[in-house]
């Protein structure tokens, strides 16, 4: 999953970017996982 990739990126910048992207994806996908 994307979380695994996030774990592989310890960089704070990437973490913030992925965190925002993940939130947007969650909002767009809704309850879909």
PDB file of N, CA and C in Angstrom:
ATOM      1  N   UNK A   1       0.838  -1.217   0.000  1.00  0.00           N
ATOM      2  CA  UNK A   1       0.000   0.000   0.000  1.00  0.00           C
ATOM      3  C   UNK A   1       0.866   1.258   0.000  1.00  0.00           C
ATOM      4  N   UNK A   2       0.229   2.384  -0.084  1.00  0.00           N
ATOM      5  CA  UNK A   2       0.962   3.666  -0.084  1.00  0.00           C
ATOM      6  C   UNK A   2       1.676   3.868   1.241  1.00  0.00           C
ATOM      7  N   UNK A   3       1.086   3.322   2.308  1.00  0.00           N
ATOM      8  CA  UNK A   3       1.696   3.484   3.636  1.00  0.00           C
ATOM      9  C   UNK A   3       3.089   2.879   3.648  1.00  0.00           C
ATOM     10  N   UNK A   4       3.241   1.752   2.967  1.00  0.00           N
ATOM     11  CA  UNK A   4       4.552   1.093   2.927  1.00  0.00           C
ATOM     12  C   UNK A   4       5.573   2.017   2.273  1.00  0.00           C
ATOM     13  N   UNK A   5       5.168   2.658   1.183  1.00  0.00           N
ATOM     14  CA  UNK A   5       6.071   3.576   0.487  1.00  0.00           C
ATOM     15  C   UNK A   5       6.404   4.757   1.393  1.00  0.00           C
ATOM     16  N   UNK A   6       5.412   5.197   2.156  1.00  0.00           N
ATOM     17  CA  UNK A   6       5.620   6.323   3.063  1.00  0.00           C
ATOM     18  C   UNK A   6       6.667   5.953   4.101  1.00  0.00           C
ATOM     19  N   UNK A   7       6.604   4.711   4.582  1.00  0.00           N
ATOM     20  CA  UNK A   7       7.559   4.256   5.595  1.00  0.00           C
ATOM     21  C   UNK A   7       8.967   4.253   5.006  1.00  0.00           C
ATOM     22  N   UNK A   8       9.066   3.982   3.717  1.00  0.00           N
ATOM     23  CA  UNK A   8      10.371   3.940   3.068  1.00  0.00           C
ATOM     24  C   UNK A   8      10.929   5.345   2.830  1.00  0.00           C
ATOM     25  N   UNK A   9      10.078   6.360   3.013  1.00  0.00           N
ATOM     26  CA  UNK A   9      10.537   7.747   2.814  1.00  0.00           C
ATOM     27  C   UNK A   9      10.552   8.491   4.147  1.00  0.00           C
ATOM     28  N   UNK A  10      11.664   8.449   4.861  1.00  0.00           N
ATOM     29  CA  UNK A  10      11.779   9.108   6.155  1.00  0.00           C
ATOM     30  C   UNK A  10      11.894  10.626   6.020  1.00  0.00           C
ATOM     31  N   UNK A  11      12.147  11.092   4.798  1.00  0.00           N
ATOM     32  CA  UNK A  11      12.289  12.535   4.584  1.00  0.00           C
ATOM     33  C   UNK A  11      11.015  13.261   5.014  1.00  0.00           C
ATOM     34  N   UNK A  12      11.153  14.325   5.797  1.00  0.00           N
ATOM     35  CA  UNK A  12       9.998  15.091   6.283  1.00  0.00           C
ATOM     36  C   UNK A  12       9.212  15.709   5.134  1.00  0.00           C
ATOM     37  N   UNK A  13       9.932  16.152   4.117  1.00  0.00           N
ATOM     38  CA  UNK A  13       9.243  16.769   2.976  1.00  0.00           C
ATOM     39  C   UNK A  13       8.345  15.752   2.280  1.00  0.00           C
ATOM     40  N   UNK A  14       8.914  14.571   2.010  1.00  0.00           N
ATOM     41  CA  UNK A  14       8.124  13.526   1.347  1.00  0.00           C
ATOM     42  C   UNK A  14       6.969  13.092   2.236  1.00  0.00           C
ATOM     43  N   UNK A  15       7.248  13.008   3.547  1.00  0.00           N
ATOM     44  CA  UNK A  15       6.211  12.580   4.490  1.00  0.00           C
ATOM     45  C   UNK A  15       5.029  13.542   4.449  1.00  0.00           C
ATOM     46  N   UNK A  16       5.346  14.839   4.451  1.00  0.00           N
ATOM     47  CA  UNK A  16       4.285  15.853   4.425  1.00  0.00           C
ATOM     48  C   UNK A  16       3.514  15.763   3.116  1.00  0.00           C
ATOM     49  N   UNK A  17       4.259  15.618   2.020  1.00  0.00           N
ATOM     50  CA  UNK A  17       3.630  15.548   0.704  1.00  0.00           C
ATOM     51  C   UNK A  17       2.707  14.337   0.608  1.00  0.00           C
ATOM     52  N   UNK A  18       3.222  13.173   1.022  1.00  0.00           N
ATOM     53  CA  UNK A  18       2.421  11.947   0.957  1.00  0.00           C
ATOM     54  C   UNK A  18       1.224  12.029   1.895  1.00  0.00           C
ATOM     55  N   UNK A  19       1.439  12.671   3.051  1.00  0.00           N
ATOM     56  CA  UNK A  19       0.351  12.811   4.027  1.00  0.00           C
ATOM     57  C   UNK A  19      -0.793  13.605   3.407  1.00  0.00           C
ATOM     58  N   UNK A  20      -0.432  14.677   2.710  1.00  0.00           N
ATOM     59  CA  UNK A  20      -1.457  15.513   2.083  1.00  0.00           C
ATOM     60  C   UNK A  20      -2.127  14.748   0.958  1.00  0.00           C
ATOM     61  N   UNK A  21      -1.306  14.064   0.160  1.00  0.00           N
ATOM     62  CA  UNK A  21      -1.835  13.302  -0.968  1.00  0.00           C
ATOM     63  C   UNK A  21      -2.773  12.204  -0.467  1.00  0.00           C
ATOM     64  N   UNK A  22      -2.346  11.529   0.604  1.00  0.00           N
ATOM     65  CA  UNK A  22      -3.158  10.451   1.163  1.00  0.00           C
ATOM     66  C   UNK A  22      -4.508  10.989   1.627  1.00  0.00           C
ATOM     67  N   UNK A  23      -4.490  12.164   2.249  1.00  0.00           N
ATOM     68  CA  UNK A  23      -5.733  12.769   2.733  1.00  0.00           C
ATOM     69  C   UNK A  23      -6.653  13.081   1.563  1.00  0.00           C
ATOM     70  N   UNK A  24      -6.079  13.636   0.499  1.00  0.00           N
ATOM     71  CA  UNK A  24      -6.876  13.973  -0.681  1.00  0.00           C
ATOM     72  C   UNK A  24      -7.460  12.711  -1.300  1.00  0.00           C
ATOM     73  N   UNK A  25      -6.635  11.664  -1.382  1.00  0.00           N
ATOM     74  CA  UNK A  25      -7.099  10.401  -1.959  1.00  0.00           C
ATOM     75  C   UNK A  25      -8.231   9.826  -1.121  1.00  0.00           C
ATOM     76  N   UNK A  26      -8.067   9.887   0.195  1.00  0.00           N
ATOM     77  CA  UNK A  26      -9.094   9.357   1.096  1.00  0.00           C
ATOM     78  C   UNK A  26     -10.404  10.112   0.906  1.00  0.00           C
ATOM     79  N   UNK A  27     -10.295  11.430   0.734  1.00  0.00           N
ATOM     80  CA  UNK A  27     -11.500  12.248   0.551  1.00  0.00           C
ATOM     81  C   UNK A  27     -12.160  11.913  -0.774  1.00  0.00           C
ATOM     82  N   UNK A  28     -11.333  11.746  -1.821  1.00  0.00           N
ATOM     83  CA  UNK A  28     -11.867  11.447  -3.151  1.00  0.00           C
ATOM     84  C   UNK A  28     -12.446  10.036  -3.225  1.00  0.00           C
ATOM     85  N   UNK A  29     -11.726   9.085  -2.629  1.00  0.00           N
ATOM     86  CA  UNK A  29     -12.179   7.687  -2.679  1.00  0.00           C
ATOM     87  C   UNK A  29     -13.290   7.431  -1.679  1.00  0.00           C
ATOM     88  N   UNK A  30     -13.315   8.230  -0.612  1.00  0.00           N
ATOM     89  CA  UNK A  30     -14.346   8.054   0.403  1.00  0.00           C
ATOM     90  C   UNK A  30     -14.036   6.866   1.299  1.00  0.00           C
ATOM     91  N   UNK A  31     -14.939   5.898   1.358  1.00  0.00           N
ATOM     92  CA  UNK A  31     -14.723   4.741   2.232  1.00  0.00           C
ATOM     93  C   UNK A  31     -13.967   3.646   1.491  1.00  0.00           C
ATOM     94  N   UNK A  32     -13.673   3.878   0.209  1.00  0.00           N
ATOM     95  CA  UNK A  32     -12.933   2.871  -0.566  1.00  0.00           C
ATOM     96  C   UNK A  32     -11.502   2.763  -0.059  1.00  0.00           C
ATOM     97  N   UNK A  33     -11.031   1.511   0.132  1.00  0.00           N
ATOM     98  CA  UNK A  33      -9.658   1.352   0.637  1.00  0.00           C
ATOM     99  C   UNK A  33      -8.912   0.394  -0.268  1.00  0.00           C
TER     100      UNK A  33
END
